[in-house]
Amino acid sequence: MRPRKSIILISLVIGICLSGCLDAPDKKVSITPEATATVKATVMPAINEGDVIIGTWQWIDNRNIDNKVEYVFKTDGTFTRYDSANGIKNYKGKWTKADDKKYHLVYAEPSPGYVSENLYYNENMDRLYTEIYQFLDRKT
């Protein structure tokens, strides 16, 4: 949605609320959580839209192809890590961009044995690297 449409939508919502207050100053005006969520979703774009990390990345153990780790990064700053080592495990958390090449991940419970990790983006190879130099390729 263009910024102009967002401003018009916000103005309309505020105008409706204010007109209700002016018509009957002793009445309370309430906005439902659903209406608030709709306005927020309409007005606020995804914060990380277009970032190179968005999408699915995977690491496969060359010695055991059943041992895979897959990260799915979303534009809302959340991620899910699917880990097939020792049975399938799913970990969720939030990610932030520390700089052009570094991403900081913080795990929610349960965690894979640590609460956070950093991933590093190599633009020339279009790969993410972990701190122990495992690389993640973009899943196609």
C-alpha atoms as a PDB file:
ATOM      1  CA  MET A   1       0.000   0.000   0.000  1.00  0.00           C
ATOM      2  CA  ARG A   2       1.286   3.452  -0.845  1.00  0.00           C
ATOM      3  CA  PRO A   3       2.005   5.891   1.998  1.00  0.00           C
ATOM      4  CA  ARG A   4      -0.753   8.226   0.785  1.00  0.00           C
ATOM      5  CA  LYS A   5      -3.380   5.467   1.078  1.00  0.00           C
ATOM      6  CA  SER A   6      -2.059   4.604   4.554  1.00  0.00           C
ATOM      7  CA  ILE A   7      -2.443   8.215   5.691  1.00  0.00           C
ATOM      8  CA  ILE A   8      -5.958   8.369   4.282  1.00  0.00           C
ATOM      9  CA  LEU A   9      -6.896   5.114   6.064  1.00  0.00           C
ATOM     10  CA  ILE A  10      -5.482   6.311   9.386  1.00  0.00           C
ATOM     11  CA  SER A  11      -7.221   9.672   8.998  1.00  0.00           C
ATOM     12  CA  LEU A  12     -10.503   7.917   8.282  1.00  0.00           C
ATOM     13  CA  VAL A  13     -10.227   5.705  11.383  1.00  0.00           C
ATOM     14  CA  ILE A  14      -9.305   8.676  13.596  1.00  0.00           C
ATOM     15  CA  GLY A  15     -12.092  10.761  12.062  1.00  0.00           C
ATOM     16  CA  ILE A  16     -14.692   8.095  12.783  1.00  0.00           C
ATOM     17  CA  CYS A  17     -13.495   7.793  16.378  1.00  0.00           C
ATOM     18  CA  LEU A  18     -13.486  11.549  16.917  1.00  0.00           C
ATOM     19  CA  SER A  19     -16.861  12.094  15.306  1.00  0.00           C
ATOM     20  CA  GLY A  20     -18.345   9.534  17.687  1.00  0.00           C
ATOM     21  CA  CYS A  21     -16.811  11.409  20.629  1.00  0.00           C
ATOM     22  CA  LEU A  22     -18.014  14.803  19.426  1.00  0.00           C
ATOM     23  CA  ASP A  23     -21.573  13.619  18.794  1.00  0.00           C
ATOM     24  CA  ALA A  24     -21.894  12.100  22.242  1.00  0.00           C
ATOM     25  CA  PRO A  25     -19.107  13.271  24.568  1.00  0.00           C
ATOM     26  CA  ASP A  26     -20.372  11.113  27.422  1.00  0.00           C
ATOM     27  CA  LYS A  27     -20.126   7.891  25.365  1.00  0.00           C
ATOM     28  CA  LYS A  28     -16.961   5.830  25.163  1.00  0.00           C
ATOM     29  CA  VAL A  29     -15.591   4.795  21.787  1.00  0.00           C
ATOM     30  CA  SER A  30     -13.807   1.480  21.631  1.00  0.00           C
ATOM     31  CA  ILE A  31     -11.877  -0.116  18.842  1.00  0.00           C
ATOM     32  CA  THR A  32     -11.752  -3.890  18.748  1.00  0.00           C
ATOM     33  CA  PRO A  33      -8.371  -5.678  18.684  1.00  0.00           C
ATOM     34  CA  GLU A  34      -9.308  -7.021  15.251  1.00  0.00           C
ATOM     35  CA  ALA A  35      -9.762  -3.496  13.874  1.00  0.00           C
ATOM     36  CA  THR A  36      -6.463  -2.413  15.423  1.00  0.00           C
ATOM     37  CA  ALA A  37      -4.668  -5.414  13.890  1.00  0.00           C
ATOM     38  CA  THR A  38      -6.197  -4.638  10.491  1.00  0.00           C
ATOM     39  CA  VAL A  39      -4.996  -1.026  10.625  1.00  0.00           C
ATOM     40  CA  LYS A  40      -1.505  -2.100  11.755  1.00  0.00           C
ATOM     41  CA  ALA A  41      -1.242  -4.740   9.023  1.00  0.00           C
ATOM     42  CA  THR A  42      -2.411  -2.238   6.419  1.00  0.00           C
ATOM     43  CA  VAL A  43      -0.191   0.629   7.514  1.00  0.00           C
ATOM     44  CA  MET A  44       2.976  -1.142   8.637  1.00  0.00           C
ATOM     45  CA  PRO A  45       4.979  -2.965   5.938  1.00  0.00           C
ATOM     46  CA  ALA A  46       7.086  -6.006   6.816  1.00  0.00           C
ATOM     47  CA  ILE A  47      10.194  -4.650   8.522  1.00  0.00           C
ATOM     48  CA  ASN A  48      12.696  -6.847   6.702  1.00  0.00           C
ATOM     49  CA  GLU A  49      11.094  -7.048   3.293  1.00  0.00           C
ATOM     50  CA  GLY A  50      13.697  -7.565   0.571  1.00  0.00           C
ATOM     51  CA  ASP A  51      16.525  -8.629   2.905  1.00  0.00           C
ATOM     52  CA  VAL A  52      18.841 -11.286   1.450  1.00  0.00           C
ATOM     53  CA  ILE A  53      18.269 -13.624   4.402  1.00  0.00           C
ATOM     54  CA  ILE A  54      14.532 -13.983   3.708  1.00  0.00           C
ATOM     55  CA  GLY A  55      13.692 -17.481   2.552  1.00  0.00           C
ATOM     56  CA  THR A  56      14.950 -20.986   3.212  1.00  0.00           C
ATOM     57  CA  TRP A  57      18.594 -21.947   3.754  1.00  0.00           C
ATOM     58  CA  GLN A  58      19.975 -25.430   4.342  1.00  0.00           C
ATOM     59  CA  TRP A  59      23.092 -27.261   5.435  1.00  0.00           C
ATOM     60  CA  ILE A  60      23.619 -30.925   4.553  1.00  0.00           C
ATOM     61  CA  ASP A  61      26.281 -33.134   6.141  1.00  0.00           C
ATOM     62  CA  ASN A  62      28.276 -34.614   3.237  1.00  0.00           C
ATOM     63  CA  ARG A  63      29.080 -37.685   5.340  1.00  0.00           C
ATOM     64  CA  ASN A  64      25.412 -38.345   6.161  1.00  0.00           C
ATOM     65  CA  ILE A  65      22.857 -36.748   3.816  1.00  0.00           C
ATOM     66  CA  ASP A  66      20.049 -37.503   6.280  1.00  0.00           C
ATOM     67  CA  ASN A  67      21.680 -35.041   8.679  1.00  0.00           C
ATOM     68  CA  LYS A  68      20.240 -31.685   7.577  1.00  0.00           C
ATOM     69  CA  VAL A  69      19.659 -28.305   9.130  1.00  0.00           C
ATOM     70  CA  GLU A  70      17.226 -25.922   7.496  1.00  0.00           C
ATOM     71  CA  TYR A  71      16.479 -22.316   8.466  1.00  0.00           C
ATOM     72  CA  VAL A  72      13.380 -20.460   7.280  1.00  0.00           C
ATOM     73  CA  PHE A  73      13.613 -16.678   7.738  1.00  0.00           C
ATOM     74  CA  LYS A  74      10.460 -14.550   7.493  1.00  0.00           C
ATOM     75  CA  THR A  75      10.059 -10.833   6.868  1.00  0.00           C
ATOM     76  CA  ASP A  76       8.506 -10.295  10.313  1.00  0.00           C
ATOM     77  CA  GLY A  77      11.864 -11.020  11.987  1.00  0.00           C
ATOM     78  CA  THR A  78      11.071 -14.595  13.011  1.00  0.00           C
ATOM     79  CA  PHE A  79      12.732 -17.831  11.974  1.00  0.00           C
ATOM     80  CA  THR A  80      12.300 -21.571  12.329  1.00  0.00           C
ATOM     81  CA  ARG A  81      15.195 -24.012  12.370  1.00  0.00           C
ATOM     82  CA  TYR A  82      14.460 -27.607  11.372  1.00  0.00           C
ATOM     83  CA  ASP A  83      17.181 -29.978  12.564  1.00  0.00           C
ATOM     84  CA  SER A  84      17.147 -33.631  11.464  1.00  0.00           C
ATOM     85  CA  ALA A  85      20.210 -34.689  13.466  1.00  0.00           C
ATOM     86  CA  ASN A  86      19.170 -37.190  16.146  1.00  0.00           C
ATOM     87  CA  GLY A  87      15.532 -36.986  15.136  1.00  0.00           C
ATOM     88  CA  ILE A  88      13.651 -34.025  13.746  1.00  0.00           C
ATOM     89  CA  LYS A  89      13.630 -30.995  16.030  1.00  0.00           C
ATOM     90  CA  ASN A  90      12.121 -27.584  15.408  1.00  0.00           C
ATOM     91  CA  TYR A  91      13.437 -24.437  17.016  1.00  0.00           C
ATOM     92  CA  LYS A  92      11.884 -20.992  16.698  1.00  0.00           C
ATOM     93  CA  GLY A  93      13.157 -17.542  17.436  1.00  0.00           C
ATOM     94  CA  LYS A  94      13.750 -13.998  16.254  1.00  0.00           C
ATOM     95  CA  TRP A  95      16.456 -12.628  13.999  1.00  0.00           C
ATOM     96  CA  THR A  96      17.891  -9.153  13.570  1.00  0.00           C
ATOM     97  CA  LYS A  97      20.335  -7.723  11.098  1.00  0.00           C
ATOM     98  CA  ALA A  98      23.441  -6.571  12.954  1.00  0.00           C
ATOM     99  CA  ASP A  99      25.098  -5.129   9.838  1.00  0.00           C
ATOM    100  CA  ASP A 100      25.276  -5.814   6.087  1.00  0.00           C
ATOM    101  CA  LYS A 101      26.882  -9.208   6.604  1.00  0.00           C
ATOM    102  CA  LYS A 102      25.911 -10.318  10.113  1.00  0.00           C
ATOM    103  CA  TYR A 103      22.614 -11.629  11.469  1.00  0.00           C
ATOM    104  CA  HIS A 104      21.896 -12.309  15.138  1.00  0.00           C
ATOM    105  CA  LEU A 105      19.487 -15.140  16.013  1.00  0.00           C
ATOM    106  CA  VAL A 106      17.879 -15.564  19.434  1.00  0.00           C
ATOM    107  CA  TYR A 107      16.124 -18.843  20.162  1.00  0.00           C
ATOM    108  CA  ALA A 108      12.917 -19.259  22.120  1.00  0.00           C
ATOM    109  CA  GLU A 109      12.476 -22.392  24.224  1.00  0.00           C
ATOM    110  CA  PRO A 110      13.366 -25.067  23.398  1.00  0.00           C
ATOM    111  CA  SER A 111      16.778 -24.122  22.090  1.00  0.00           C
ATOM    112  CA  PRO A 112      19.390 -26.279  20.330  1.00  0.00           C
ATOM    113  CA  GLY A 113      21.701 -26.077  23.367  1.00  0.00           C
ATOM    114  CA  TYR A 114      22.509 -22.367  23.094  1.00  0.00           C
ATOM    115  CA  VAL A 115      20.274 -19.301  23.275  1.00  0.00           C
ATOM    116  CA  SER A 116      21.700 -17.341  20.358  1.00  0.00           C
ATOM    117  CA  GLU A 117      23.985 -17.554  17.375  1.00  0.00           C
ATOM    118  CA  ASN A 118      25.328 -15.342  14.612  1.00  0.00           C
ATOM    119  CA  LEU A 119      25.176 -16.046  10.893  1.00  0.00           C
ATOM    120  CA  TYR A 120      27.379 -14.270   8.364  1.00  0.00           C
ATOM    121  CA  TYR A 121      26.384 -13.567   4.767  1.00  0.00           C
ATOM    122  CA  ASN A 122      28.948 -13.966   1.975  1.00  0.00           C
ATOM    123  CA  GLU A 123      27.671 -11.914  -0.944  1.00  0.00           C
ATOM    124  CA  ASN A 124      30.137 -13.345  -3.498  1.00  0.00           C
ATOM    125  CA  MET A 125      29.030 -16.922  -2.844  1.00  0.00           C
ATOM    126  CA  ASP A 126      25.432 -16.123  -1.771  1.00  0.00           C
ATOM    127  CA  ARG A 127      25.911 -18.256   1.348  1.00  0.00           C
ATOM    128  CA  LEU A 128      25.353 -17.939   5.064  1.00  0.00           C
ATOM    129  CA  TYR A 129      28.078 -19.143   7.433  1.00  0.00           C
ATOM    130  CA  THR A 130      27.761 -20.190  11.041  1.00  0.00           C
ATOM    131  CA  GLU A 131      30.390 -19.301  13.631  1.00  0.00           C
ATOM    132  CA  ILE A 132      31.899 -22.786  13.231  1.00  0.00           C
ATOM    133  CA  TYR A 133      32.163 -22.279   9.447  1.00  0.00           C
ATOM    134  CA  GLN A 134      29.333 -24.514   8.356  1.00  0.00           C
ATOM    135  CA  PHE A 135      27.765 -22.957   5.310  1.00  0.00           C
ATOM    136  CA  LEU A 136      24.110 -22.721   4.434  1.00  0.00           C
ATOM    137  CA  ASP A 137      23.010 -22.638   0.819  1.00  0.00           C
ATOM    138  CA  ARG A 138      19.826 -21.007  -0.371  1.00  0.00           C
ATOM    139  CA  LYS A 139      17.242 -23.738  -0.906  1.00  0.00           C
ATOM    140  CA  THR A 140      15.698 -23.660  -4.352  1.00  0.00           C
END
